[in-house]
N, C-alpha and C. Protein backbone atom coordinates (compact mmCIF):
# COMPACT_ATOMS: atom_id res chain seq x y z
N ASN A 1 11.52 201.33 61.91
CA ASN A 1 12.61 201.58 61.00
C ASN A 1 13.83 202.02 61.79
N GLU A 2 14.97 201.55 61.34
CA GLU A 2 16.20 201.83 62.07
C GLU A 2 17.36 201.94 61.10
N VAL A 3 18.27 202.82 61.40
CA VAL A 3 19.51 202.96 60.64
C VAL A 3 20.64 202.79 61.64
N THR A 4 21.57 201.90 61.35
CA THR A 4 22.71 201.67 62.23
C THR A 4 23.98 202.08 61.49
N LEU A 5 24.77 202.88 62.14
CA LEU A 5 26.06 203.29 61.58
C LEU A 5 27.15 202.61 62.39
N THR A 6 28.09 201.99 61.71
CA THR A 6 29.21 201.35 62.38
C THR A 6 30.48 202.07 61.95
N LEU A 7 31.25 202.49 62.94
CA LEU A 7 32.48 203.24 62.66
C LEU A 7 33.69 202.39 63.01
N THR A 8 34.76 202.59 62.28
CA THR A 8 36.00 201.86 62.57
C THR A 8 36.88 202.60 63.57
N ASP A 9 36.62 203.88 63.75
CA ASP A 9 37.44 204.69 64.66
C ASP A 9 36.52 205.45 65.60
N GLU A 10 36.66 205.16 66.91
CA GLU A 10 35.78 205.77 67.91
C GLU A 10 35.92 207.28 67.98
N SER A 11 37.03 207.81 67.52
CA SER A 11 37.25 209.26 67.63
C SER A 11 36.31 210.05 66.71
N HIS A 12 35.65 209.37 65.76
CA HIS A 12 34.76 210.05 64.83
C HIS A 12 33.28 209.95 65.23
N VAL A 13 32.99 209.40 66.41
CA VAL A 13 31.60 209.16 66.81
C VAL A 13 30.82 210.47 66.90
N SER A 14 31.35 211.44 67.61
CA SER A 14 30.62 212.71 67.80
C SER A 14 30.37 213.42 66.47
N SER A 15 31.40 213.51 65.64
CA SER A 15 31.23 214.21 64.36
C SER A 15 30.27 213.46 63.44
N THR A 16 30.31 212.12 63.48
CA THR A 16 29.40 211.33 62.65
C THR A 16 27.96 211.48 63.13
N ALA A 17 27.76 211.47 64.45
CA ALA A 17 26.41 211.65 65.00
C ALA A 17 25.86 213.02 64.61
N GLU A 18 26.70 214.03 64.67
CA GLU A 18 26.26 215.38 64.30
C GLU A 18 25.94 215.45 62.80
N MET A 19 26.74 214.80 61.98
CA MET A 19 26.49 214.78 60.54
C MET A 19 25.17 214.05 60.25
N ALA A 20 24.92 212.94 60.93
CA ALA A 20 23.66 212.20 60.75
C ALA A 20 22.48 213.06 61.19
N ARG A 21 22.64 213.78 62.29
CA ARG A 21 21.57 214.66 62.79
C ARG A 21 21.24 215.73 61.73
N ARG A 22 22.26 216.33 61.14
CA ARG A 22 22.04 217.36 60.12
C ARG A 22 21.33 216.79 58.88
N LEU A 23 21.76 215.60 58.46
CA LEU A 23 21.13 214.96 57.30
C LEU A 23 19.66 214.64 57.57
N LEU A 24 19.39 214.13 58.78
CA LEU A 24 18.01 213.81 59.14
C LEU A 24 17.17 215.07 59.26
N ASP A 25 17.75 216.13 59.78
CA ASP A 25 17.03 217.41 59.88
C ASP A 25 16.64 217.92 58.49
N GLN A 26 17.51 217.71 57.52
CA GLN A 26 17.23 218.18 56.15
C GLN A 26 16.11 217.36 55.50
N SER A 27 16.07 216.06 55.78
CA SER A 27 15.09 215.20 55.10
C SER A 27 13.78 215.06 55.87
N HIS A 28 13.75 215.38 57.15
CA HIS A 28 12.52 215.30 57.96
C HIS A 28 12.08 216.71 58.33
N ARG A 29 10.78 216.96 58.14
CA ARG A 29 10.26 218.28 58.52
C ARG A 29 10.11 218.40 60.03
N GLN A 30 9.84 217.29 60.66
CA GLN A 30 9.70 217.28 62.12
C GLN A 30 10.77 216.35 62.70
N PRO A 31 11.22 216.63 63.91
CA PRO A 31 12.22 215.73 64.53
C PRO A 31 11.56 214.46 65.04
N ASP A 32 11.21 213.57 64.11
CA ASP A 32 10.56 212.32 64.48
C ASP A 32 11.56 211.15 64.50
N TYR A 33 12.74 211.46 64.87
CA TYR A 33 13.80 210.46 64.93
C TYR A 33 14.56 210.61 66.25
N GLU A 34 15.36 209.59 66.54
CA GLU A 34 16.19 209.63 67.76
C GLU A 34 17.57 209.07 67.39
N ILE A 35 18.59 209.76 67.82
CA ILE A 35 19.96 209.29 67.60
C ILE A 35 20.50 208.81 68.95
N GLN A 36 20.91 207.54 68.96
CA GLN A 36 21.46 206.97 70.20
C GLN A 36 22.93 206.65 69.98
N VAL A 37 23.76 207.15 70.87
CA VAL A 37 25.19 206.87 70.83
C VAL A 37 25.55 206.23 72.17
N PRO A 38 25.96 204.98 72.15
CA PRO A 38 26.27 204.30 73.42
C PRO A 38 27.61 204.80 73.99
N LEU A 39 27.59 206.02 74.53
CA LEU A 39 28.83 206.65 75.00
C LEU A 39 29.52 205.88 76.12
N GLU A 40 28.73 205.33 77.04
CA GLU A 40 29.35 204.61 78.15
C GLU A 40 30.09 203.38 77.64
N LEU A 41 29.51 202.69 76.68
CA LEU A 41 30.20 201.54 76.09
C LEU A 41 31.48 201.98 75.39
N LEU A 42 31.41 203.10 74.71
CA LEU A 42 32.59 203.63 74.03
C LEU A 42 33.67 204.02 75.04
N ARG A 43 33.25 204.66 76.12
CA ARG A 43 34.23 205.06 77.14
C ARG A 43 34.89 203.83 77.77
N GLN A 44 34.08 202.80 78.05
CA GLN A 44 34.63 201.56 78.61
C GLN A 44 35.61 200.93 77.63
N ALA A 45 35.27 200.91 76.35
CA ALA A 45 36.17 200.35 75.33
C ALA A 45 37.47 201.15 75.27
N GLN A 46 37.38 202.47 75.39
CA GLN A 46 38.58 203.30 75.37
C GLN A 46 39.45 203.04 76.60
N ARG A 47 38.82 202.86 77.78
CA ARG A 47 39.59 202.55 78.99
C ARG A 47 40.32 201.21 78.83
N GLU A 48 39.58 200.22 78.32
CA GLU A 48 40.20 198.90 78.12
C GLU A 48 41.34 198.99 77.11
N LYS A 49 41.15 199.78 76.08
CA LYS A 49 42.20 199.95 75.07
C LYS A 49 43.44 200.59 75.69
N ARG A 50 43.25 201.60 76.55
CA ARG A 50 44.39 202.23 77.22
C ARG A 50 45.12 201.24 78.13
N ILE A 51 44.34 200.42 78.85
CA ILE A 51 44.95 199.42 79.74
C ILE A 51 45.76 198.42 78.92
N TRP A 52 45.19 197.93 77.82
CA TRP A 52 45.91 196.99 76.97
C TRP A 52 47.18 197.62 76.39
N ASN A 53 47.07 198.87 75.97
CA ASN A 53 48.25 199.57 75.45
C ASN A 53 49.33 199.68 76.52
N LEU A 54 48.93 199.96 77.75
CA LEU A 54 49.89 200.05 78.85
C LEU A 54 50.54 198.70 79.13
N VAL A 55 49.72 197.64 79.17
CA VAL A 55 50.25 196.30 79.43
C VAL A 55 51.20 195.88 78.31
N LEU A 56 50.75 196.04 77.07
CA LEU A 56 51.59 195.63 75.95
C LEU A 56 52.84 196.50 75.83
N GLY A 57 52.72 197.78 76.13
CA GLY A 57 53.88 198.66 76.13
C GLY A 57 54.89 198.26 77.19
N SER A 58 54.39 197.86 78.36
CA SER A 58 55.28 197.41 79.43
C SER A 58 56.00 196.13 79.04
N ILE A 59 55.26 195.21 78.44
CA ILE A 59 55.87 193.96 77.98
C ILE A 59 56.93 194.26 76.92
N ALA A 60 56.63 195.16 76.00
CA ALA A 60 57.60 195.53 74.96
C ALA A 60 58.83 196.17 75.57
N GLY A 61 58.63 197.06 76.54
CA GLY A 61 59.77 197.71 77.20
C GLY A 61 60.66 196.72 77.92
N ILE A 62 60.05 195.79 78.65
CA ILE A 62 60.83 194.76 79.35
C ILE A 62 61.56 193.88 78.34
N SER A 63 60.88 193.54 77.25
CA SER A 63 61.52 192.71 76.21
C SER A 63 62.72 193.43 75.60
N LEU A 64 62.58 194.72 75.35
CA LEU A 64 63.70 195.49 74.80
C LEU A 64 64.86 195.55 75.78
N LEU A 65 64.57 195.73 77.06
CA LEU A 65 65.62 195.77 78.07
C LEU A 65 66.34 194.42 78.15
N VAL A 66 65.57 193.34 78.18
CA VAL A 66 66.17 192.00 78.23
C VAL A 66 66.99 191.74 76.96
N GLY A 67 66.44 192.14 75.81
CA GLY A 67 67.18 191.98 74.55
C GLY A 67 68.46 192.78 74.54
N GLY A 68 68.41 194.00 75.05
CA GLY A 68 69.60 194.85 75.12
C GLY A 68 70.67 194.24 76.01
N ILE A 69 70.24 193.72 77.16
CA ILE A 69 71.19 193.07 78.07
C ILE A 69 71.77 191.82 77.41
N GLY A 70 70.93 191.09 76.68
CA GLY A 70 71.42 189.91 75.96
C GLY A 70 72.46 190.28 74.92
N ILE A 71 72.21 191.33 74.17
CA ILE A 71 73.18 191.79 73.17
C ILE A 71 74.48 192.20 73.85
N MET A 72 74.38 192.92 74.96
CA MET A 72 75.58 193.36 75.67
C MET A 72 76.39 192.15 76.15
N ASN A 73 75.71 191.14 76.69
CA ASN A 73 76.42 189.95 77.17
C ASN A 73 77.07 189.18 76.03
N ILE A 74 76.36 189.06 74.91
CA ILE A 74 76.94 188.39 73.74
C ILE A 74 78.19 189.13 73.27
N MET A 75 78.11 190.45 73.20
CA MET A 75 79.25 191.23 72.73
C MET A 75 80.40 191.20 73.73
N LEU A 76 80.10 191.18 75.03
CA LEU A 76 81.17 191.06 76.03
C LEU A 76 81.87 189.71 75.89
N ALA A 77 81.09 188.66 75.65
CA ALA A 77 81.69 187.34 75.43
C ALA A 77 82.53 187.34 74.16
N THR A 78 82.06 188.03 73.14
CA THR A 78 82.81 188.14 71.88
C THR A 78 84.13 188.86 72.10
N VAL A 79 84.10 189.92 72.90
CA VAL A 79 85.33 190.66 73.21
C VAL A 79 86.32 189.74 73.91
N THR A 80 85.84 188.97 74.87
CA THR A 80 86.72 188.05 75.61
C THR A 80 87.31 187.00 74.68
N GLU A 81 86.48 186.43 73.80
CA GLU A 81 86.95 185.39 72.88
C GLU A 81 87.93 185.94 71.85
N ARG A 82 87.80 187.20 71.51
CA ARG A 82 88.62 187.77 70.44
C ARG A 82 89.68 188.73 70.96
N THR A 83 90.05 188.57 72.21
CA THR A 83 91.04 189.45 72.82
C THR A 83 92.34 189.45 72.02
N ARG A 84 92.79 188.27 71.64
CA ARG A 84 94.04 188.17 70.89
C ARG A 84 93.93 188.89 69.54
N GLU A 85 92.80 188.71 68.85
CA GLU A 85 92.58 189.40 67.57
C GLU A 85 92.61 190.92 67.77
N ILE A 86 92.02 191.40 68.84
CA ILE A 86 92.03 192.83 69.13
C ILE A 86 93.46 193.31 69.33
N GLY A 87 94.26 192.51 70.05
CA GLY A 87 95.66 192.85 70.27
C GLY A 87 96.45 192.91 68.98
N VAL A 88 96.22 191.95 68.08
CA VAL A 88 96.91 191.92 66.79
C VAL A 88 96.52 193.16 65.97
N ARG A 89 95.24 193.46 65.93
CA ARG A 89 94.79 194.63 65.16
C ARG A 89 95.40 195.91 65.71
N ARG A 90 95.43 196.03 67.04
CA ARG A 90 96.00 197.24 67.65
C ARG A 90 97.50 197.30 67.39
N ALA A 91 98.18 196.15 67.46
CA ALA A 91 99.63 196.12 67.22
C ALA A 91 99.95 196.48 65.77
N LEU A 92 99.03 196.17 64.86
CA LEU A 92 99.24 196.49 63.44
C LEU A 92 98.78 197.90 63.08
N GLY A 93 98.36 198.67 64.08
CA GLY A 93 98.05 200.08 63.83
C GLY A 93 96.59 200.48 63.92
N ALA A 94 95.72 199.55 64.24
CA ALA A 94 94.30 199.93 64.37
C ALA A 94 94.14 200.85 65.57
N LYS A 95 93.38 201.88 65.39
CA LYS A 95 93.13 202.82 66.48
C LYS A 95 91.96 202.32 67.32
N ARG A 96 91.83 202.90 68.51
CA ARG A 96 90.70 202.54 69.38
C ARG A 96 89.37 202.77 68.66
N ARG A 97 89.31 203.86 67.92
CA ARG A 97 88.10 204.19 67.17
C ARG A 97 87.74 203.06 66.20
N ASP A 98 88.76 202.46 65.55
CA ASP A 98 88.52 201.37 64.61
C ASP A 98 87.91 200.15 65.32
N ILE A 99 88.42 199.87 66.50
CA ILE A 99 87.91 198.74 67.29
C ILE A 99 86.46 199.01 67.71
N VAL A 100 86.20 200.23 68.16
CA VAL A 100 84.83 200.60 68.56
C VAL A 100 83.89 200.45 67.36
N HIS A 101 84.30 200.95 66.20
CA HIS A 101 83.46 200.85 65.00
C HIS A 101 83.20 199.39 64.63
N GLN A 102 84.23 198.57 64.71
CA GLN A 102 84.08 197.16 64.37
C GLN A 102 83.02 196.50 65.24
N PHE A 103 83.13 196.71 66.55
CA PHE A 103 82.19 196.06 67.46
C PHE A 103 80.79 196.68 67.38
N LEU A 104 80.70 197.97 67.12
CA LEU A 104 79.37 198.58 66.96
C LEU A 104 78.68 198.09 65.69
N ILE A 105 79.46 197.88 64.63
CA ILE A 105 78.87 197.35 63.39
C ILE A 105 78.36 195.93 63.64
N GLU A 106 79.15 195.13 64.35
CA GLU A 106 78.71 193.77 64.67
C GLU A 106 77.45 193.80 65.53
N THR A 107 77.40 194.74 66.47
CA THR A 107 76.21 194.88 67.31
C THR A 107 75.00 195.29 66.47
N MET A 108 75.21 196.20 65.52
CA MET A 108 74.10 196.62 64.65
C MET A 108 73.59 195.46 63.80
N VAL A 109 74.49 194.63 63.31
CA VAL A 109 74.07 193.47 62.52
C VAL A 109 73.24 192.53 63.40
N LEU A 110 73.70 192.31 64.62
CA LEU A 110 72.98 191.45 65.55
C LEU A 110 71.60 192.02 65.88
N SER A 111 71.54 193.30 66.21
CA SER A 111 70.25 193.90 66.58
C SER A 111 69.32 194.05 65.38
N THR A 112 69.88 194.29 64.19
CA THR A 112 69.06 194.37 62.98
C THR A 112 68.43 193.01 62.68
N THR A 113 69.22 191.96 62.82
CA THR A 113 68.69 190.62 62.61
C THR A 113 67.58 190.32 63.61
N GLY A 114 67.82 190.66 64.87
CA GLY A 114 66.79 190.47 65.89
C GLY A 114 65.55 191.29 65.60
N GLY A 115 65.74 192.52 65.12
CA GLY A 115 64.60 193.37 64.77
C GLY A 115 63.79 192.80 63.63
N VAL A 116 64.46 192.27 62.62
CA VAL A 116 63.76 191.69 61.47
C VAL A 116 62.96 190.46 61.90
N VAL A 117 63.58 189.60 62.71
CA VAL A 117 62.88 188.41 63.20
C VAL A 117 61.69 188.83 64.07
N GLY A 118 61.91 189.80 64.96
CA GLY A 118 60.84 190.28 65.82
C GLY A 118 59.68 190.87 65.04
N ILE A 119 59.99 191.63 64.01
CA ILE A 119 58.93 192.21 63.18
C ILE A 119 58.20 191.11 62.41
N GLY A 120 58.94 190.12 61.94
CA GLY A 120 58.29 189.00 61.26
C GLY A 120 57.27 188.30 62.16
N VAL A 121 57.68 188.03 63.40
CA VAL A 121 56.77 187.40 64.36
C VAL A 121 55.62 188.36 64.70
N GLY A 122 55.97 189.63 64.92
CA GLY A 122 54.96 190.62 65.28
C GLY A 122 53.93 190.87 64.19
N VAL A 123 54.31 190.69 62.94
CA VAL A 123 53.38 190.86 61.83
C VAL A 123 52.58 189.57 61.62
N ALA A 124 53.19 188.42 61.87
CA ALA A 124 52.51 187.14 61.67
C ALA A 124 51.40 186.92 62.70
N ILE A 125 51.63 187.33 63.94
CA ILE A 125 50.65 187.06 65.01
C ILE A 125 49.28 187.67 64.69
N PRO A 126 49.19 188.94 64.30
CA PRO A 126 47.85 189.47 63.98
C PRO A 126 47.15 188.73 62.84
N PHE A 127 47.92 188.28 61.85
CA PHE A 127 47.31 187.53 60.76
C PHE A 127 46.75 186.20 61.27
N VAL A 128 47.50 185.53 62.13
CA VAL A 128 47.04 184.26 62.70
C VAL A 128 45.80 184.49 63.56
N VAL A 129 45.83 185.54 64.39
CA VAL A 129 44.67 185.86 65.23
C VAL A 129 43.44 186.13 64.36
N SER A 130 43.60 186.91 63.32
CA SER A 130 42.47 187.21 62.42
C SER A 130 41.97 185.96 61.71
N TYR A 131 42.89 185.10 61.34
CA TYR A 131 42.53 183.88 60.62
C TYR A 131 41.78 182.91 61.52
N LEU A 132 42.23 182.76 62.78
CA LEU A 132 41.65 181.78 63.69
C LEU A 132 40.43 182.30 64.45
N SER A 133 40.21 183.59 64.45
CA SER A 133 39.08 184.15 65.19
C SER A 133 38.40 185.22 64.34
N GLU A 134 37.39 185.81 64.91
CA GLU A 134 36.69 186.87 64.20
C GLU A 134 37.19 188.25 64.63
N ILE A 135 38.32 188.28 65.29
CA ILE A 135 38.89 189.54 65.75
C ILE A 135 39.63 190.20 64.59
N GLU A 136 39.26 191.43 64.31
CA GLU A 136 39.95 192.17 63.25
C GLU A 136 41.23 192.78 63.82
N THR A 137 42.31 192.64 63.10
CA THR A 137 43.58 193.23 63.52
C THR A 137 44.09 194.13 62.41
N ALA A 138 44.92 195.06 62.80
CA ALA A 138 45.52 195.97 61.82
C ALA A 138 46.99 196.16 62.19
N ILE A 139 47.80 196.34 61.18
CA ILE A 139 49.23 196.56 61.39
C ILE A 139 49.56 197.96 60.88
N SER A 140 50.15 198.74 61.74
CA SER A 140 50.52 200.10 61.37
C SER A 140 51.95 200.11 60.83
N PRO A 141 52.15 200.53 59.58
CA PRO A 141 53.51 200.61 59.04
C PRO A 141 54.41 201.52 59.86
N VAL A 142 53.84 202.58 60.41
CA VAL A 142 54.62 203.49 61.26
C VAL A 142 55.11 202.75 62.50
N ALA A 143 54.22 201.94 63.11
CA ALA A 143 54.61 201.18 64.30
C ALA A 143 55.70 200.16 63.97
N VAL A 144 55.60 199.53 62.81
CA VAL A 144 56.61 198.55 62.39
C VAL A 144 57.96 199.25 62.22
N LEU A 145 57.96 200.38 61.54
CA LEU A 145 59.20 201.14 61.34
C LEU A 145 59.77 201.62 62.67
N LEU A 146 58.91 202.10 63.55
CA LEU A 146 59.34 202.56 64.87
C LEU A 146 59.93 201.41 65.68
N ALA A 147 59.28 200.25 65.65
CA ALA A 147 59.78 199.09 66.39
C ALA A 147 61.15 198.66 65.87
N PHE A 148 61.30 198.65 64.55
CA PHE A 148 62.59 198.28 63.97
C PHE A 148 63.67 199.28 64.38
N SER A 149 63.36 200.55 64.28
CA SER A 149 64.33 201.60 64.64
C SER A 149 64.73 201.49 66.11
N ILE A 150 63.76 201.25 66.97
CA ILE A 150 64.05 201.13 68.40
C ILE A 150 64.92 199.91 68.66
N SER A 151 64.66 198.80 67.97
CA SER A 151 65.47 197.60 68.20
C SER A 151 66.93 197.84 67.81
N VAL A 152 67.15 198.53 66.69
CA VAL A 152 68.52 198.84 66.27
C VAL A 152 69.16 199.82 67.25
N LEU A 153 68.41 200.82 67.68
CA LEU A 153 68.93 201.79 68.65
C LEU A 153 69.29 201.12 69.97
N ILE A 154 68.44 200.22 70.44
CA ILE A 154 68.73 199.49 71.69
C ILE A 154 70.02 198.69 71.52
N GLY A 155 70.18 198.06 70.37
CA GLY A 155 71.41 197.30 70.11
C GLY A 155 72.64 198.18 70.16
N ILE A 156 72.56 199.36 69.56
CA ILE A 156 73.70 200.27 69.56
C ILE A 156 74.00 200.75 70.98
N VAL A 157 72.95 201.15 71.70
CA VAL A 157 73.15 201.66 73.07
C VAL A 157 73.80 200.59 73.95
N PHE A 158 73.28 199.36 73.87
CA PHE A 158 73.83 198.30 74.71
C PHE A 158 75.14 197.74 74.16
N GLY A 159 75.50 198.09 72.93
CA GLY A 159 76.76 197.64 72.36
C GLY A 159 77.92 198.60 72.60
N VAL A 160 77.62 199.80 73.08
CA VAL A 160 78.67 200.80 73.30
C VAL A 160 79.65 200.33 74.37
N TYR A 161 79.15 199.81 75.49
CA TYR A 161 80.05 199.39 76.58
C TYR A 161 81.02 198.29 76.12
N PRO A 162 80.54 197.20 75.51
CA PRO A 162 81.50 196.18 75.05
C PRO A 162 82.49 196.73 74.01
N ALA A 163 82.02 197.60 73.12
CA ALA A 163 82.91 198.16 72.09
C ALA A 163 84.00 199.02 72.73
N ARG A 164 83.61 199.84 73.69
CA ARG A 164 84.60 200.68 74.37
C ARG A 164 85.55 199.82 75.21
N ARG A 165 85.02 198.79 75.81
CA ARG A 165 85.87 197.90 76.60
C ARG A 165 86.91 197.22 75.70
N ALA A 166 86.48 196.79 74.53
CA ALA A 166 87.41 196.17 73.58
C ALA A 166 88.47 197.17 73.14
N ALA A 167 88.06 198.40 72.90
CA ALA A 167 88.99 199.43 72.40
C ALA A 167 90.01 199.83 73.45
N HIS A 168 89.67 199.69 74.72
CA HIS A 168 90.58 200.12 75.78
C HIS A 168 91.44 198.99 76.34
N LEU A 169 91.38 197.81 75.71
CA LEU A 169 92.26 196.73 76.14
C LEU A 169 93.70 197.07 75.77
N ASP A 170 94.62 196.68 76.63
CA ASP A 170 96.04 196.92 76.38
C ASP A 170 96.52 195.93 75.31
N PRO A 171 97.05 196.42 74.19
CA PRO A 171 97.47 195.52 73.10
C PRO A 171 98.48 194.47 73.55
N ILE A 172 99.39 194.84 74.41
CA ILE A 172 100.42 193.89 74.86
C ILE A 172 99.77 192.78 75.67
N GLU A 173 98.85 193.14 76.57
CA GLU A 173 98.14 192.13 77.36
C GLU A 173 97.27 191.25 76.47
N CYS A 174 96.70 191.85 75.44
CA CYS A 174 95.86 191.09 74.51
C CYS A 174 96.68 190.02 73.79
N LEU A 175 97.90 190.37 73.39
CA LEU A 175 98.74 189.42 72.67
C LEU A 175 99.20 188.28 73.58
N ARG A 176 99.26 188.51 74.87
CA ARG A 176 99.63 187.46 75.83
C ARG A 176 98.45 186.54 76.13
N HIS A 177 97.24 187.03 75.84
CA HIS A 177 96.03 186.29 76.19
C HIS A 177 95.92 185.01 75.36
N GLU A 178 95.50 183.94 76.00
CA GLU A 178 95.36 182.66 75.28
C GLU A 178 93.94 182.35 75.09
């Protein structure tokens, strides 16, 4: 006779084993049972999980850096293309702060769009993996919210330089620009 317990979270193994031991002690007058917990397998699984988290975290970090640099380059190109518009706005009374706000809002729209697309892909992949294989996947709403927030924050951080550069252009030089 055998009883097998399967847990979804490895952190509950010790407490579950202890609970099973207490239940068996109550129902058996003699300790004629054995509880086996494959701790080495669990430890190996935890090590592999940490390695995967490190690898995936590194990939995510590099992706965010590349995305941030991409946003900065797009916004710098936008500043160059719209130099004359910046000059007209400044000549009509727009303050540097207004120019900074304009470009930061545009950067936020760009990074928000990228974040939404990224989350869409990031949520779709686990569903596809689960559908095509027997691997169970889970999506953490907290992780999704955190990823979205970080993508918007990265966009803002990398959009500050182009926005400030646009705001500090000389209006007279901007109006001469073709």
